[in-house]
Amino acid sequence: MVEKGIYGHIRLLVPVSVKALEKRVLILTGSPGTGKTTVLERAVSVLKDRGIIVGGMISREARENENRVGFQISDIASGRRGWLAHVNQKTGPQIGKYRVNLGDLDAVGARAISDAVETADIVAIDEIGPMELFSEKFKAAARKALESGKLVIAVVHFKARDPLVVQAKGREDAEVFVVTKENREILASALVEKAATFLKPT
C-alpha cells in the first residue's frame, strides 16, 4: 500500500507494528525556565520548512508590563488561539494565582491534538502538565496521539505524576530528553534528525 509522502513523493506505508519498535514518542522534560517550549518550537519550525506536516498545540507565557499574567495556547496547524489560564479568569480549576480556562483548553488545545492525529505527520503537545491535566478531553486527545502510531513530540512537566505521564514515559517506544541550559541549543537539531529518521520512507 502506498500514499503521497511528507516530501511530496510516494512512500510505502510501513505497518505500525514495525514502526512501534522505533522511538516515536519523544518527550522533553526538565526544570522550569530551561527552554523546553523553545526547543519544541525550533524543531517544529525546521520540520515544517522541510515539508513535514506538524500539528498539535503550543503553550506560551503571556506578560503585561513584564509581569506574567497567564498562558496562551495555539493550534500549530490553524493558528487558532485561546487561553490556557489567566490571573483574571473567574472560573475553573485554580493553580496558584491562575485559573484554568477549560473551555479554551478543550476547544483549542485538545481539538488541535485530535486534528493532528488525523491529518499531520507529527503531533506536538506542549505541555502535558498540571493545568492541562484538568481536562478530560485533553487527556483523551493525548492518549489518542500516544496510541496512534504517529510520531509524537511532547513537553512534560517535570513534576507531573498523572498516570498518563507515567505511562507515556514508560512506553517502549518512548525516549525522554531532559532539557538543560547547556544542551537546549543542540536538542532541537537532535529532535529533527530523530523525526526525519522515523519518517524516512523504507
Protein backbone atom coordinates (compact mmCIF):
# COMPACT_ATOMS: atom_id res chain seq x y z
CA MET A 1 0.00 0.00 0.00
CA VAL A 2 1.31 3.48 -0.89
CA GLU A 3 0.39 7.10 -0.28
CA LYS A 4 1.77 10.53 -1.07
CA GLY A 5 4.57 11.13 1.38
CA ILE A 6 5.52 14.08 3.50
CA TYR A 7 8.07 15.27 0.97
CA GLY A 8 5.64 15.18 -1.94
CA HIS A 9 6.63 11.81 -3.34
CA ILE A 10 5.26 8.30 -3.00
CA ARG A 11 6.24 6.25 0.02
CA LEU A 12 5.44 2.76 1.20
CA LEU A 13 3.27 2.53 4.26
CA VAL A 14 5.11 0.67 6.99
CA PRO A 15 2.91 -1.31 9.40
CA VAL A 16 2.54 0.34 12.80
CA SER A 17 3.79 -2.87 14.41
CA VAL A 18 7.16 -2.35 12.71
CA LYS A 19 7.32 1.38 13.40
CA ALA A 20 6.42 0.80 17.04
CA LEU A 21 9.85 -0.77 17.52
CA GLU A 22 11.40 2.65 16.87
CA LYS A 23 11.40 5.59 19.25
CA ARG A 24 8.39 7.58 18.12
CA VAL A 25 7.32 9.27 21.37
CA LEU A 26 9.93 11.94 22.04
CA ILE A 27 9.44 13.54 25.45
CA LEU A 28 11.01 16.80 26.61
CA THR A 29 11.14 17.47 30.33
CA GLY A 30 13.24 19.49 32.72
CA SER A 31 13.17 22.27 35.28
CA PRO A 32 11.15 25.46 34.67
CA GLY A 33 12.94 28.07 32.59
CA THR A 34 15.27 25.70 30.76
CA GLY A 35 13.63 26.34 27.39
CA LYS A 36 11.52 23.24 26.71
CA THR A 37 8.92 25.08 24.65
CA THR A 38 11.64 26.92 22.73
CA VAL A 39 13.30 23.62 21.84
CA LEU A 40 9.99 22.25 20.62
CA GLU A 41 9.17 25.38 18.61
CA ARG A 42 12.57 25.35 16.90
CA ALA A 43 12.19 21.70 15.97
CA VAL A 44 8.67 22.28 14.65
CA SER A 45 9.86 25.22 12.56
CA VAL A 46 12.65 23.23 10.91
CA LEU A 47 10.41 20.22 10.30
CA LYS A 48 7.76 22.39 8.67
CA ASP A 49 10.42 24.01 6.48
CA ARG A 50 11.28 20.50 5.28
CA GLY A 51 7.72 19.98 4.15
CA ILE A 52 6.65 17.82 7.07
CA ILE A 53 3.12 18.36 8.34
CA VAL A 54 3.19 19.16 12.05
CA GLY A 55 0.08 19.73 14.14
CA GLY A 56 -0.86 19.94 17.78
CA MET A 57 -0.69 22.65 20.42
CA ILE A 58 1.89 25.03 21.82
CA SER A 59 1.67 26.90 25.16
CA ARG A 60 3.33 30.28 25.69
CA GLU A 61 3.59 32.70 28.58
CA ALA A 62 1.60 35.92 28.35
CA ARG A 63 3.06 39.03 30.01
CA GLU A 64 1.87 42.55 30.72
CA ASN A 65 4.38 45.16 31.90
CA GLU A 66 6.96 42.39 32.43
CA ASN A 67 4.57 40.50 34.71
CA ARG A 68 3.30 37.06 33.74
CA VAL A 69 -0.49 37.14 33.63
CA GLY A 70 -1.22 33.75 32.13
CA PHE A 71 -0.60 31.22 29.40
CA GLN A 72 -1.92 31.15 25.86
CA ILE A 73 -2.38 28.05 23.73
CA SER A 74 -2.32 27.89 19.95
CA ASP A 75 -3.15 25.34 17.29
CA ILE A 76 0.04 24.81 15.26
CA ALA A 77 -1.84 24.00 12.07
CA SER A 78 -4.59 26.63 12.07
CA GLY A 79 -3.06 29.34 14.25
CA ARG A 80 -6.20 29.42 16.38
CA ARG A 81 -5.54 30.71 19.90
CA GLY A 82 -7.08 30.59 23.32
CA TRP A 83 -6.24 30.95 26.98
CA LEU A 84 -4.94 28.05 28.99
CA ALA A 85 -5.01 30.08 32.21
CA HIS A 86 -5.10 33.70 33.33
CA VAL A 87 -4.91 35.66 36.56
CA ASN A 88 -8.27 37.26 35.75
CA GLN A 89 -10.04 34.03 34.81
CA LYS A 90 -13.12 33.92 37.05
CA THR A 91 -13.96 30.23 36.91
CA GLY A 92 -12.15 26.94 36.51
CA PRO A 93 -9.58 24.92 38.48
CA GLN A 94 -7.04 27.06 40.29
CA ILE A 95 -3.28 26.63 40.37
CA GLY A 96 -1.50 29.37 42.27
CA LYS A 97 -2.79 32.75 41.07
CA TYR A 98 -4.16 31.32 37.80
CA ARG A 99 -7.45 29.69 36.92
CA VAL A 100 -7.56 27.21 34.05
CA ASN A 101 -9.82 28.03 31.10
CA LEU A 102 -11.28 24.60 30.42
CA GLY A 103 -13.39 25.90 27.54
CA ASP A 104 -10.39 27.09 25.51
CA LEU A 105 -8.28 24.13 26.58
CA ASP A 106 -10.91 21.76 25.18
CA ALA A 107 -11.86 23.79 22.09
CA VAL A 108 -8.35 24.82 21.05
CA GLY A 109 -5.81 22.56 22.75
CA ALA A 110 -7.50 19.17 22.80
CA ARG A 111 -9.01 19.76 19.37
CA ALA A 112 -5.60 20.69 17.90
CA ILE A 113 -4.12 17.41 19.14
CA SER A 114 -7.04 15.33 17.88
CA ASP A 115 -6.93 17.04 14.48
CA ALA A 116 -3.17 16.44 14.24
CA VAL A 117 -3.63 12.73 14.85
CA GLU A 118 -5.90 12.63 11.80
CA THR A 119 -4.04 14.97 9.43
CA ALA A 120 -0.41 15.51 10.46
CA ASP A 121 2.82 13.54 10.17
CA ILE A 122 3.90 14.68 13.64
CA VAL A 123 1.81 15.52 16.71
CA ALA A 124 3.29 18.15 19.04
CA ILE A 125 1.94 18.54 22.58
CA ASP A 126 3.10 21.42 24.78
CA GLU A 127 2.64 20.59 27.50
CA ILE A 128 1.32 17.70 29.50
CA GLY A 129 1.25 19.41 32.86
CA PRO A 130 -0.90 20.15 35.91
CA MET A 131 -3.12 22.71 34.17
CA GLU A 132 -3.76 20.64 31.06
CA LEU A 133 -4.45 17.51 33.06
CA PHE A 134 -7.62 19.07 34.50
CA SER A 135 -9.22 18.50 31.09
CA GLU A 136 -10.57 15.04 30.32
CA LYS A 137 -10.76 15.97 26.64
CA PHE A 138 -7.09 16.95 26.65
CA LYS A 139 -6.11 13.69 28.32
CA ALA A 140 -8.19 11.69 25.85
CA ALA A 141 -6.59 13.53 22.91
CA ALA A 142 -3.10 12.96 24.30
CA ARG A 143 -3.81 9.24 24.79
CA LYS A 144 -5.13 9.08 21.24
CA ALA A 145 -1.89 10.60 19.98
CA LEU A 146 0.27 8.22 22.01
CA GLU A 147 -1.60 5.20 20.66
CA SER A 148 -1.88 6.48 17.08
CA GLY A 149 1.37 5.20 15.64
CA LYS A 150 2.21 8.79 14.67
CA LEU A 151 5.43 10.46 15.76
CA VAL A 152 4.73 12.47 18.93
CA ILE A 153 6.91 15.20 20.40
CA ALA A 154 5.62 16.19 23.83
CA VAL A 155 6.73 18.52 26.59
CA VAL A 156 6.01 17.01 30.00
CA HIS A 157 6.02 18.97 33.25
CA PHE A 158 8.91 17.73 35.38
CA LYS A 159 6.72 17.22 38.47
CA ALA A 160 3.72 15.65 36.73
CA ARG A 161 2.83 12.24 38.16
CA ASP A 162 -0.50 11.64 36.47
CA PRO A 163 -0.94 8.06 35.16
CA LEU A 164 -0.94 9.48 31.62
CA VAL A 165 2.56 10.89 32.16
CA VAL A 166 3.85 7.73 33.84
CA GLN A 167 2.52 5.60 31.00
CA ALA A 168 3.95 7.91 28.35
CA LYS A 169 7.44 7.89 29.87
CA GLY A 170 7.32 4.13 30.40
CA ARG A 171 6.45 3.21 26.81
CA GLU A 172 8.95 1.02 24.98
CA ASP A 173 8.79 3.37 22.02
CA ALA A 174 9.40 6.49 24.14
CA GLU A 175 12.63 8.43 24.60
CA VAL A 176 12.97 11.10 27.30
CA PHE A 177 15.20 14.16 26.91
CA VAL A 178 15.99 16.31 29.94
CA VAL A 179 16.36 19.89 28.72
CA THR A 180 19.05 21.99 30.38
CA LYS A 181 20.54 25.39 29.64
CA GLU A 182 23.65 23.56 28.47
CA ASN A 183 22.02 21.22 25.93
CA ARG A 184 18.98 23.16 24.73
CA GLU A 185 20.81 24.62 21.73
CA ILE A 186 21.51 21.18 20.26
CA LEU A 187 18.34 19.35 21.30
CA ALA A 188 16.18 20.88 18.57
CA SER A 189 18.52 19.53 15.91
CA ALA A 190 18.55 16.13 17.61
CA LEU A 191 14.74 16.02 17.59
CA VAL A 192 14.64 16.98 13.92
CA GLU A 193 17.03 14.20 12.94
CA LYS A 194 15.21 11.59 15.02
CA ALA A 195 11.92 12.65 13.45
CA ALA A 196 13.36 12.57 9.95
CA THR A 197 14.77 9.09 10.56
CA PHE A 198 11.43 7.82 11.81
CA LEU A 199 9.54 9.32 8.88
CA LYS A 200 12.06 8.26 6.24
CA PRO A 201 10.48 6.04 3.56
CA THR A 202 11.63 2.42 3.78
